[in-house]
Amino acid sequence: MLSQAYFSTVQAASYLGLSRRTLEGFRCRGGGPAFIKAGRRRLYRREDLDAWALANRRASTSDPGPQAA
């Protein structure tokens, strides 16, 4: 059940089309998708990955997004 319900860092990065290092950077600096810390592992729920991707959706490169309003 755990392997189907949660993504590892590598799987989550692949799902989002990012590199593992980019996802790890977001995790350290903030601004990335929510994750679960389970011992030494970091796990991601599909719902959290989808919500993060939608929250970062933009209409153009000059679109600042909702947080700048």
Protein backbone atom coordinates (compact mmCIF):
# COMPACT_ATOMS: atom_id res chain seq x y z
CA MET A 1 0.00 0.00 0.00
CA LEU A 2 2.74 2.47 0.89
CA SER A 3 4.48 2.18 -2.48
CA GLN A 4 1.22 2.88 -4.33
CA ALA A 5 0.00 5.69 -2.08
CA TYR A 6 3.24 7.69 -1.92
CA PHE A 7 6.04 8.73 -4.26
CA SER A 8 9.73 8.71 -3.41
CA THR A 9 11.74 11.84 -4.23
CA VAL A 10 12.87 10.34 -7.55
CA GLN A 11 9.34 9.27 -8.47
CA ALA A 12 7.85 12.64 -7.46
CA ALA A 13 10.46 14.54 -9.46
CA SER A 14 9.76 12.39 -12.50
CA TYR A 15 6.01 12.87 -12.07
CA LEU A 16 6.48 16.66 -12.03
CA GLY A 17 9.06 16.68 -14.81
CA LEU A 18 11.79 18.01 -12.51
CA SER A 19 15.20 16.70 -11.57
CA ARG A 20 15.67 15.06 -8.19
CA ARG A 21 18.08 17.84 -7.21
CA THR A 22 15.55 20.55 -8.06
CA LEU A 23 12.92 18.88 -5.87
CA GLU A 24 15.46 18.48 -3.05
CA GLY A 25 16.33 22.17 -3.38
CA PHE A 26 12.67 23.16 -3.06
CA ARG A 27 12.44 20.95 0.02
CA CYS A 28 15.40 22.69 1.68
CA ARG A 29 14.57 26.27 0.67
CA GLY A 30 10.80 26.00 0.80
CA GLY A 31 8.31 26.63 -1.96
CA GLY A 32 8.02 23.02 -3.06
CA PRO A 33 5.23 20.52 -2.63
CA ALA A 34 4.29 19.25 0.82
CA PHE A 35 6.09 16.07 1.86
CA ILE A 36 6.10 13.50 4.63
CA LYS A 37 9.27 12.81 6.58
CA ALA A 38 9.36 9.11 7.42
CA GLY A 39 12.67 8.37 9.07
CA ARG A 40 15.32 9.14 6.48
CA ARG A 41 12.82 8.98 3.61
CA ARG A 42 10.82 11.85 2.17
CA LEU A 43 7.50 10.82 0.67
CA TYR A 44 5.05 12.75 -1.50
CA ARG A 45 1.32 12.23 -1.99
CA ARG A 46 0.00 12.54 -5.54
CA GLU A 47 -2.65 15.00 -4.31
CA ASP A 48 0.04 17.30 -2.88
CA LEU A 49 2.09 17.16 -6.08
CA ASP A 50 -0.96 18.01 -8.19
CA ALA A 51 -2.00 20.84 -5.85
CA TRP A 52 1.51 22.33 -5.92
CA ALA A 53 1.67 22.15 -9.71
CA LEU A 54 -1.72 23.86 -10.06
CA ALA A 55 -0.78 26.56 -7.54
CA ASN A 56 2.28 27.37 -9.67
CA ARG A 57 0.37 27.53 -12.94
CA ARG A 58 0.89 30.76 -14.91
CA ALA A 59 -0.55 32.23 -18.10
CA SER A 60 2.75 33.76 -19.24
CA THR A 61 6.34 34.25 -18.13
CA SER A 62 5.43 37.73 -16.85
CA ASP A 63 2.47 36.47 -14.80
CA PRO A 64 3.49 36.93 -11.14
CA GLY A 65 0.86 34.53 -9.85
CA PRO A 66 -1.67 34.98 -7.05
CA GLN A 67 0.84 35.60 -4.22
CA ALA A 68 2.04 38.88 -5.78
CA ALA A 69 -1.46 40.38 -5.85
